[in-house]
C-alpha cells in the first residue's frame, strides 16, 4: 500500500488531480493522472478553498482509463463533512507574542460550537499548546519546561 501526494504545493504536471468531489459524506470520487494508484493506497489531497490544509483518502476502488493514457478514477473514503468550511483565525503566542495565521477545517453543519475545538486541534497539529488558556508556540513551550 503506497501513499500518493497530490497536494497543490507540488505542482507536478505528470502527477496531478483533475477532480475530487464528495459522493456522500466520507466517500469521494477522485480523478487524476499518474501515480500508479491501486486499491488500498492512500491519497493526500488539498482541501478545496484552502492554502495549506489537506486530507487523507483511502482508495477502495480504482479504474484506469485507456484514453488519455495514465488517467484514472477512484472511489475513496476519508473525513466525514456534511458541509465543509475553511476558517482562518489569528492566534498570538502568550509567551513571545508571535502571530500565527491559523487555517482550519470544520463541519459547518455542526454550528459555531464546533469552531473552537477544530481550531484547537489544528493548533496541536502545528505544535502549539493551550496551557490553562494560554497559547504557546514551540519555542515558548521549551523555555517554560
N, C-alpha and C. Protein backbone atom coordinates (compact mmCIF):
# COMPACT_ATOMS: atom_id res chain seq x y z
N UNK A 1 0.84 -1.16 0.00
CA UNK A 1 0.00 0.00 0.00
C UNK A 1 0.89 1.24 0.00
N UNK A 2 0.71 2.06 -1.01
CA UNK A 2 1.55 3.25 -1.17
C UNK A 2 0.76 4.51 -0.80
N UNK A 3 1.49 5.57 -0.53
CA UNK A 3 0.88 6.87 -0.28
C UNK A 3 1.27 7.80 -1.42
N UNK A 4 0.27 8.49 -1.97
CA UNK A 4 0.48 9.38 -3.10
C UNK A 4 0.12 10.80 -2.69
N UNK A 5 0.99 11.75 -2.94
CA UNK A 5 0.79 13.13 -2.53
C UNK A 5 0.34 13.97 -3.73
N UNK A 6 -0.91 14.41 -3.69
CA UNK A 6 -1.47 15.21 -4.77
C UNK A 6 -1.81 16.62 -4.30
N UNK A 7 -1.10 17.13 -3.30
CA UNK A 7 -1.38 18.49 -2.83
C UNK A 7 -0.95 19.51 -3.87
N UNK A 8 -1.64 20.65 -3.88
CA UNK A 8 -1.37 21.72 -4.84
C UNK A 8 0.07 22.21 -4.79
N UNK A 9 0.68 22.17 -3.63
CA UNK A 9 2.02 22.73 -3.45
C UNK A 9 3.07 22.02 -4.28
N UNK A 10 2.79 20.81 -4.75
CA UNK A 10 3.79 20.06 -5.51
C UNK A 10 3.88 20.52 -6.96
N UNK A 11 2.76 20.89 -7.54
CA UNK A 11 2.70 21.37 -8.93
C UNK A 11 3.52 20.52 -9.88
N UNK A 12 3.26 19.22 -9.89
CA UNK A 12 3.94 18.28 -10.76
C UNK A 12 2.97 17.87 -11.86
N UNK A 13 3.16 18.32 -13.11
CA UNK A 13 2.17 18.04 -14.16
C UNK A 13 2.03 16.56 -14.53
N UNK A 14 2.99 15.72 -14.20
CA UNK A 14 2.88 14.29 -14.50
C UNK A 14 2.10 13.56 -13.41
N UNK A 15 1.78 14.22 -12.33
CA UNK A 15 1.19 13.60 -11.15
C UNK A 15 0.16 14.59 -10.60
N UNK A 16 -1.02 14.67 -11.22
CA UNK A 16 -1.98 15.71 -10.87
C UNK A 16 -3.39 15.17 -10.65
N UNK A 17 -4.18 15.93 -9.91
CA UNK A 17 -5.60 15.63 -9.73
C UNK A 17 -6.40 16.48 -10.69
N UNK A 18 -7.40 15.88 -11.30
CA UNK A 18 -8.32 16.61 -12.16
C UNK A 18 -9.55 17.02 -11.36
N UNK A 19 -10.00 16.11 -10.48
CA UNK A 19 -11.22 16.35 -9.72
C UNK A 19 -11.20 15.54 -8.43
N UNK A 20 -11.77 16.14 -7.39
CA UNK A 20 -12.01 15.43 -6.14
C UNK A 20 -13.33 15.96 -5.61
N UNK A 21 -14.35 15.10 -5.61
CA UNK A 21 -15.67 15.56 -5.16
C UNK A 21 -16.29 14.54 -4.24
N UNK A 22 -17.13 15.05 -3.34
CA UNK A 22 -17.81 14.18 -2.39
C UNK A 22 -19.01 13.51 -3.06
N UNK A 23 -19.09 12.19 -2.93
CA UNK A 23 -20.26 11.44 -3.40
C UNK A 23 -21.32 11.44 -2.30
N UNK A 24 -20.88 11.11 -1.11
CA UNK A 24 -21.68 11.15 0.11
C UNK A 24 -20.71 11.60 1.21
N UNK A 25 -21.20 12.00 2.39
CA UNK A 25 -20.25 12.36 3.45
C UNK A 25 -19.30 11.20 3.75
N UNK A 26 -18.01 11.45 3.58
CA UNK A 26 -16.99 10.44 3.85
C UNK A 26 -16.59 9.60 2.65
N UNK A 27 -17.28 9.74 1.52
CA UNK A 27 -16.93 8.98 0.32
C UNK A 27 -16.71 9.96 -0.83
N UNK A 28 -15.58 9.80 -1.52
CA UNK A 28 -15.14 10.75 -2.53
C UNK A 28 -14.85 10.06 -3.85
N UNK A 29 -15.06 10.80 -4.95
CA UNK A 29 -14.63 10.35 -6.27
C UNK A 29 -13.46 11.22 -6.66
N UNK A 30 -12.36 10.58 -7.00
CA UNK A 30 -11.13 11.28 -7.32
C UNK A 30 -10.69 10.89 -8.73
N UNK A 31 -10.39 11.87 -9.55
CA UNK A 31 -9.88 11.62 -10.89
C UNK A 31 -8.52 12.28 -11.00
N UNK A 32 -7.55 11.55 -11.53
CA UNK A 32 -6.21 12.10 -11.64
C UNK A 32 -5.40 11.45 -12.73
N UNK A 33 -4.14 11.86 -12.77
CA UNK A 33 -3.22 11.35 -13.78
C UNK A 33 -1.89 11.04 -13.10
N UNK A 34 -1.33 9.88 -13.41
CA UNK A 34 -0.04 9.48 -12.86
C UNK A 34 -0.16 8.85 -11.49
N UNK A 35 0.94 8.33 -11.01
CA UNK A 35 0.99 7.80 -9.66
C UNK A 35 0.73 6.32 -9.50
N UNK A 36 0.29 5.60 -10.52
CA UNK A 36 0.03 4.15 -10.44
C UNK A 36 -0.82 3.81 -9.22
N UNK A 37 -1.99 4.39 -9.12
CA UNK A 37 -2.89 4.21 -7.99
C UNK A 37 -3.45 2.79 -7.98
N UNK A 38 -3.51 2.20 -6.77
CA UNK A 38 -4.06 0.86 -6.59
C UNK A 38 -5.03 0.87 -5.40
N UNK A 39 -5.93 -0.10 -5.37
CA UNK A 39 -6.84 -0.26 -4.24
C UNK A 39 -6.03 -0.43 -2.96
N UNK A 40 -6.41 0.28 -1.91
CA UNK A 40 -5.71 0.23 -0.63
C UNK A 40 -4.69 1.34 -0.46
N UNK A 41 -4.36 2.05 -1.53
CA UNK A 41 -3.40 3.16 -1.43
C UNK A 41 -4.04 4.35 -0.71
N UNK A 42 -3.21 5.26 -0.26
CA UNK A 42 -3.65 6.48 0.39
C UNK A 42 -3.32 7.66 -0.51
N UNK A 43 -4.29 8.57 -0.66
CA UNK A 43 -4.10 9.79 -1.43
C UNK A 43 -4.14 10.97 -0.46
N UNK A 44 -3.18 11.86 -0.58
CA UNK A 44 -3.21 13.09 0.21
C UNK A 44 -3.56 14.22 -0.74
N UNK A 45 -4.70 14.89 -0.48
CA UNK A 45 -5.20 15.92 -1.38
C UNK A 45 -5.46 17.21 -0.61
N UNK A 46 -5.31 18.34 -1.30
CA UNK A 46 -5.57 19.65 -0.72
C UNK A 46 -7.08 19.86 -0.61
N UNK A 47 -7.53 20.45 0.51
CA UNK A 47 -8.94 20.76 0.67
C UNK A 47 -9.29 21.96 -0.21
N UNK A 48 -10.41 21.88 -0.89
CA UNK A 48 -10.85 22.96 -1.77
C UNK A 48 -11.06 24.24 -0.96
N UNK A 49 -10.48 25.32 -1.43
CA UNK A 49 -10.61 26.61 -0.75
C UNK A 49 -9.56 26.85 0.31
N UNK A 50 -8.60 25.94 0.44
CA UNK A 50 -7.58 26.04 1.47
C UNK A 50 -6.21 26.32 0.86
N UNK A 51 -5.37 27.00 1.62
CA UNK A 51 -3.99 27.24 1.19
C UNK A 51 -3.06 26.14 1.70
N UNK A 52 -3.37 25.60 2.88
CA UNK A 52 -2.42 24.66 3.49
C UNK A 52 -3.03 23.37 4.04
N UNK A 53 -4.35 23.25 4.06
CA UNK A 53 -4.98 22.06 4.64
C UNK A 53 -5.12 20.95 3.61
N UNK A 54 -4.94 19.73 4.08
CA UNK A 54 -5.12 18.58 3.21
C UNK A 54 -5.84 17.48 3.98
N UNK A 55 -6.29 16.46 3.26
CA UNK A 55 -6.92 15.30 3.91
C UNK A 55 -6.39 14.04 3.25
N UNK A 56 -6.46 12.96 4.02
CA UNK A 56 -6.01 11.66 3.53
C UNK A 56 -7.24 10.85 3.14
N UNK A 57 -7.15 10.25 1.95
CA UNK A 57 -8.24 9.42 1.44
C UNK A 57 -7.71 8.02 1.20
N UNK A 58 -8.49 7.02 1.58
CA UNK A 58 -8.14 5.62 1.39
C UNK A 58 -8.86 5.10 0.16
N UNK A 59 -8.11 4.65 -0.85
CA UNK A 59 -8.70 4.18 -2.10
C UNK A 59 -9.37 2.82 -1.89
N UNK A 60 -10.67 2.75 -2.22
CA UNK A 60 -11.40 1.49 -2.09
C UNK A 60 -11.64 0.83 -3.45
N UNK A 61 -11.60 1.64 -4.52
CA UNK A 61 -11.81 1.10 -5.86
C UNK A 61 -11.14 2.05 -6.85
N UNK A 62 -10.47 1.50 -7.86
CA UNK A 62 -9.83 2.34 -8.87
C UNK A 62 -10.05 1.75 -10.25
N UNK A 63 -10.21 2.64 -11.22
CA UNK A 63 -10.38 2.22 -12.61
C UNK A 63 -9.39 3.04 -13.45
N UNK A 64 -8.49 2.35 -14.14
CA UNK A 64 -7.51 3.00 -15.00
C UNK A 64 -8.10 3.18 -16.39
N UNK A 65 -8.02 4.39 -16.92
CA UNK A 65 -8.60 4.70 -18.22
C UNK A 65 -7.58 4.48 -19.32
N UNK A 66 -8.04 4.05 -20.47
CA UNK A 66 -7.16 3.83 -21.62
C UNK A 66 -6.82 5.16 -22.28
N UNK A 67 -7.83 6.03 -22.38
CA UNK A 67 -7.61 7.31 -23.03
C UNK A 67 -8.16 8.43 -22.16
N UNK A 68 -7.42 9.39 -21.76
CA UNK A 68 -6.00 9.63 -22.04
C UNK A 68 -5.12 8.69 -21.22
N UNK A 69 -3.94 8.36 -21.75
CA UNK A 69 -3.03 7.43 -21.07
C UNK A 69 -2.63 7.95 -19.68
N UNK A 70 -2.63 7.05 -18.71
CA UNK A 70 -2.21 7.40 -17.36
C UNK A 70 -3.30 7.96 -16.47
N UNK A 71 -4.48 8.21 -17.01
CA UNK A 71 -5.56 8.78 -16.20
C UNK A 71 -6.33 7.67 -15.50
N UNK A 72 -6.87 7.98 -14.33
CA UNK A 72 -7.60 7.01 -13.53
C UNK A 72 -8.74 7.71 -12.78
N UNK A 73 -9.71 6.92 -12.35
CA UNK A 73 -10.80 7.40 -11.50
C UNK A 73 -10.88 6.44 -10.32
N UNK A 74 -10.98 7.00 -9.12
CA UNK A 74 -11.02 6.17 -7.92
C UNK A 74 -12.17 6.60 -7.01
N UNK A 75 -12.64 5.65 -6.23
CA UNK A 75 -13.57 5.93 -5.15
C UNK A 75 -12.76 5.73 -3.87
N UNK A 76 -12.85 6.71 -2.97
CA UNK A 76 -12.03 6.67 -1.75
C UNK A 76 -12.86 7.12 -0.55
N UNK A 77 -12.43 6.68 0.63
CA UNK A 77 -13.08 7.09 1.87
C UNK A 77 -12.16 8.03 2.63
N UNK A 78 -12.77 8.93 3.39
CA UNK A 78 -11.99 9.90 4.14
C UNK A 78 -12.84 10.60 5.18
N UNK A 79 -12.40 11.80 5.60
CA UNK A 79 -13.12 12.54 6.64
C UNK A 79 -14.57 12.81 6.25
N UNK A 80 -15.45 12.76 7.24
CA UNK A 80 -16.86 12.98 7.01
C UNK A 80 -17.20 14.45 7.29
N UNK A 81 -17.56 15.16 6.24
CA UNK A 81 -18.03 16.54 6.34
C UNK A 81 -19.38 16.61 5.66
N UNK A 82 -20.39 17.08 6.37
CA UNK A 82 -21.66 17.32 5.70
C UNK A 82 -21.56 18.62 4.91
N UNK A 83 -20.91 19.61 5.53
CA UNK A 83 -20.75 20.92 4.89
C UNK A 83 -19.39 21.47 5.32
N UNK A 84 -18.40 21.35 4.46
CA UNK A 84 -17.03 21.77 4.77
C UNK A 84 -16.91 23.30 4.79
N UNK A 85 -16.27 23.81 5.82
CA UNK A 85 -15.98 25.24 5.91
C UNK A 85 -14.52 25.41 6.32
N UNK A 86 -13.83 26.33 5.66
CA UNK A 86 -12.44 26.65 5.97
C UNK A 86 -12.43 28.01 6.65
N UNK A 87 -11.77 28.09 7.80
CA UNK A 87 -11.68 29.36 8.55
C UNK A 87 -10.22 29.71 8.77
N UNK A 88 -9.95 31.00 8.88
CA UNK A 88 -8.62 31.48 9.23
C UNK A 88 -8.75 32.39 10.44
N UNK A 89 -8.03 32.06 11.49
CA UNK A 89 -8.00 32.88 12.70
C UNK A 89 -6.57 33.29 12.97
N UNK A 90 -6.39 34.41 13.66
CA UNK A 90 -5.08 34.86 14.11
C UNK A 90 -4.91 34.39 15.56
N UNK A 91 -3.81 33.71 15.84
CA UNK A 91 -3.52 33.25 17.19
C UNK A 91 -2.18 33.85 17.60
N UNK A 92 -2.16 34.46 18.79
CA UNK A 92 -0.93 35.08 19.28
C UNK A 92 -0.38 34.25 20.43
N UNK A 93 0.93 34.01 20.38
CA UNK A 93 1.60 33.28 21.46
C UNK A 93 1.61 34.16 22.69
N UNK A 94 1.15 33.63 23.82
CA UNK A 94 1.11 34.38 25.07
C UNK A 94 2.48 34.46 25.73
N UNK A 95 3.47 33.77 25.15
CA UNK A 95 4.83 33.83 25.68
C UNK A 95 5.66 34.91 25.00
N UNK A 96 5.77 34.84 23.69
CA UNK A 96 6.65 35.76 22.95
C UNK A 96 5.89 36.74 22.07
N UNK A 97 4.59 36.55 21.90
CA UNK A 97 3.79 37.47 21.11
C UNK A 97 3.80 37.19 19.61
N UNK A 98 4.44 36.10 19.18
CA UNK A 98 4.46 35.79 17.74
C UNK A 98 3.04 35.47 17.28
N UNK A 99 2.76 35.81 16.03
CA UNK A 99 1.42 35.68 15.48
C UNK A 99 1.38 34.53 14.47
N UNK A 100 0.31 33.73 14.53
CA UNK A 100 0.12 32.61 13.62
C UNK A 100 -1.22 32.79 12.91
N UNK A 101 -1.19 32.76 11.58
CA UNK A 101 -2.43 32.74 10.79
C UNK A 101 -2.86 31.28 10.72
N UNK A 102 -3.81 30.91 11.53
CA UNK A 102 -4.26 29.53 11.67
C UNK A 102 -5.39 29.24 10.70
N UNK A 103 -5.18 28.27 9.83
CA UNK A 103 -6.22 27.83 8.91
C UNK A 103 -6.70 26.47 9.40
N UNK A 104 -8.03 26.30 9.51
CA UNK A 104 -8.57 25.02 9.96
C UNK A 104 -9.89 24.73 9.27
N UNK A 105 -10.23 23.45 9.22
CA UNK A 105 -11.47 22.99 8.60
C UNK A 105 -12.44 22.56 9.68
N UNK A 106 -13.72 22.81 9.43
CA UNK A 106 -14.75 22.42 10.38
C UNK A 106 -16.01 22.05 9.59
N UNK A 107 -16.79 21.15 10.14
CA UNK A 107 -18.08 20.80 9.54
C UNK A 107 -19.07 21.89 9.94
N UNK A 108 -19.44 22.75 8.99
CA UNK A 108 -20.31 23.89 9.26
C UNK A 108 -21.69 23.47 9.74
N UNK A 109 -22.11 22.25 9.41
CA UNK A 109 -23.43 21.79 9.85
C UNK A 109 -23.49 21.59 11.37
N UNK A 110 -22.33 21.57 12.03
CA UNK A 110 -22.29 21.41 13.49
C UNK A 110 -22.44 22.75 14.22
N UNK A 111 -22.42 23.85 13.47
CA UNK A 111 -22.64 25.17 14.07
C UNK A 111 -21.37 25.80 14.63
N UNK A 112 -21.55 26.95 15.25
CA UNK A 112 -20.42 27.72 15.79
C UNK A 112 -19.69 27.00 16.92
N UNK A 113 -20.39 26.14 17.65
CA UNK A 113 -19.77 25.43 18.77
C UNK A 113 -18.62 24.53 18.31
N UNK A 114 -18.61 24.12 17.05
CA UNK A 114 -17.57 23.21 16.54
C UNK A 114 -16.29 23.95 16.14
N UNK A 115 -16.34 25.27 15.99
CA UNK A 115 -15.17 26.02 15.53
C UNK A 115 -14.01 25.97 16.51
N UNK A 116 -14.27 26.25 17.79
CA UNK A 116 -13.21 26.30 18.79
C UNK A 116 -12.46 24.96 18.92
N UNK A 117 -13.17 23.82 19.08
CA UNK A 117 -12.44 22.55 19.15
C UNK A 117 -11.64 22.23 17.89
N UNK A 118 -12.18 22.57 16.71
CA UNK A 118 -11.46 22.33 15.45
C UNK A 118 -10.20 23.19 15.38
N UNK A 119 -10.29 24.43 15.84
CA UNK A 119 -9.13 25.32 15.84
C UNK A 119 -8.07 24.82 16.82
N UNK A 120 -8.48 24.38 17.99
CA UNK A 120 -7.54 23.86 18.99
C UNK A 120 -6.84 22.59 18.48
N UNK A 121 -7.58 21.74 17.79
CA UNK A 121 -6.99 20.52 17.24
C UNK A 121 -5.94 20.87 16.20
N UNK A 122 -6.24 21.84 15.33
CA UNK A 122 -5.27 22.25 14.30
C UNK A 122 -4.04 22.89 14.94
N UNK A 123 -4.22 23.67 16.00
CA UNK A 123 -3.08 24.25 16.73
C UNK A 123 -2.16 23.16 17.25
N UNK A 124 -2.74 22.10 17.80
CA UNK A 124 -1.94 20.98 18.30
C UNK A 124 -1.18 20.31 17.17
N UNK A 125 -1.81 20.16 16.00
CA UNK A 125 -1.14 19.56 14.85
C UNK A 125 0.07 20.38 14.43
N UNK A 126 0.00 21.70 14.64
CA UNK A 126 1.10 22.60 14.27
C UNK A 126 2.14 22.74 15.38
N UNK A 127 1.95 22.03 16.50
CA UNK A 127 2.94 22.04 17.57
C UNK A 127 2.71 23.07 18.66
N UNK A 128 1.62 23.80 18.61
CA UNK A 128 1.29 24.76 19.66
C UNK A 128 0.51 24.04 20.75
N UNK A 129 0.52 24.60 21.97
CA UNK A 129 -0.27 24.03 23.06
C UNK A 129 -1.11 25.13 23.71
N UNK A 130 -2.16 24.69 24.40
CA UNK A 130 -3.02 25.59 25.16
C UNK A 130 -2.90 25.15 26.61
N UNK A 131 -2.13 25.91 27.39
CA UNK A 131 -1.95 25.60 28.82
C UNK A 131 -2.74 26.59 29.65
N UNK A 132 -3.82 26.12 30.23
CA UNK A 132 -4.66 26.95 31.11
C UNK A 132 -5.10 28.23 30.41
N UNK A 133 -5.51 28.12 29.15
CA UNK A 133 -6.00 29.26 28.39
C UNK A 133 -4.91 30.11 27.75
N UNK A 134 -3.66 29.71 27.90
CA UNK A 134 -2.54 30.44 27.29
C UNK A 134 -2.03 29.63 26.10
N UNK A 135 -1.97 30.25 24.93
CA UNK A 135 -1.44 29.59 23.74
C UNK A 135 0.07 29.82 23.69
N UNK A 136 0.81 28.72 23.50
CA UNK A 136 2.26 28.81 23.46
C UNK A 136 2.81 28.14 22.20
N UNK A 137 3.73 28.85 21.51
CA UNK A 137 4.39 28.30 20.33
C UNK A 137 5.43 27.27 20.80
N UNK A 138 6.06 26.60 19.86
CA UNK A 138 7.05 25.56 20.20
C UNK A 138 8.21 26.12 21.01
N UNK A 139 8.70 27.29 20.62
CA UNK A 139 9.85 27.89 21.30
C UNK A 139 9.53 28.20 22.76
N UNK A 140 8.37 28.78 23.01
CA UNK A 140 7.99 29.14 24.38
C UNK A 140 7.67 27.91 25.23
N UNK A 141 7.21 26.82 24.60
CA UNK A 141 6.98 25.58 25.34
C UNK A 141 8.28 25.05 25.90
N UNK A 142 9.34 25.11 25.10
CA UNK A 142 10.64 24.60 25.53
C UNK A 142 11.25 25.47 26.62
N UNK A 143 11.05 26.79 26.54
CA UNK A 143 11.63 27.68 27.56
C UNK A 143 10.90 27.58 28.89
N UNK A 144 9.62 27.17 28.87
CA UNK A 144 8.86 27.01 30.12
C UNK A 144 9.07 25.64 30.76
N UNK A 145 9.61 24.70 29.99
CA UNK A 145 9.77 23.33 30.52
C UNK A 145 10.88 23.23 31.52
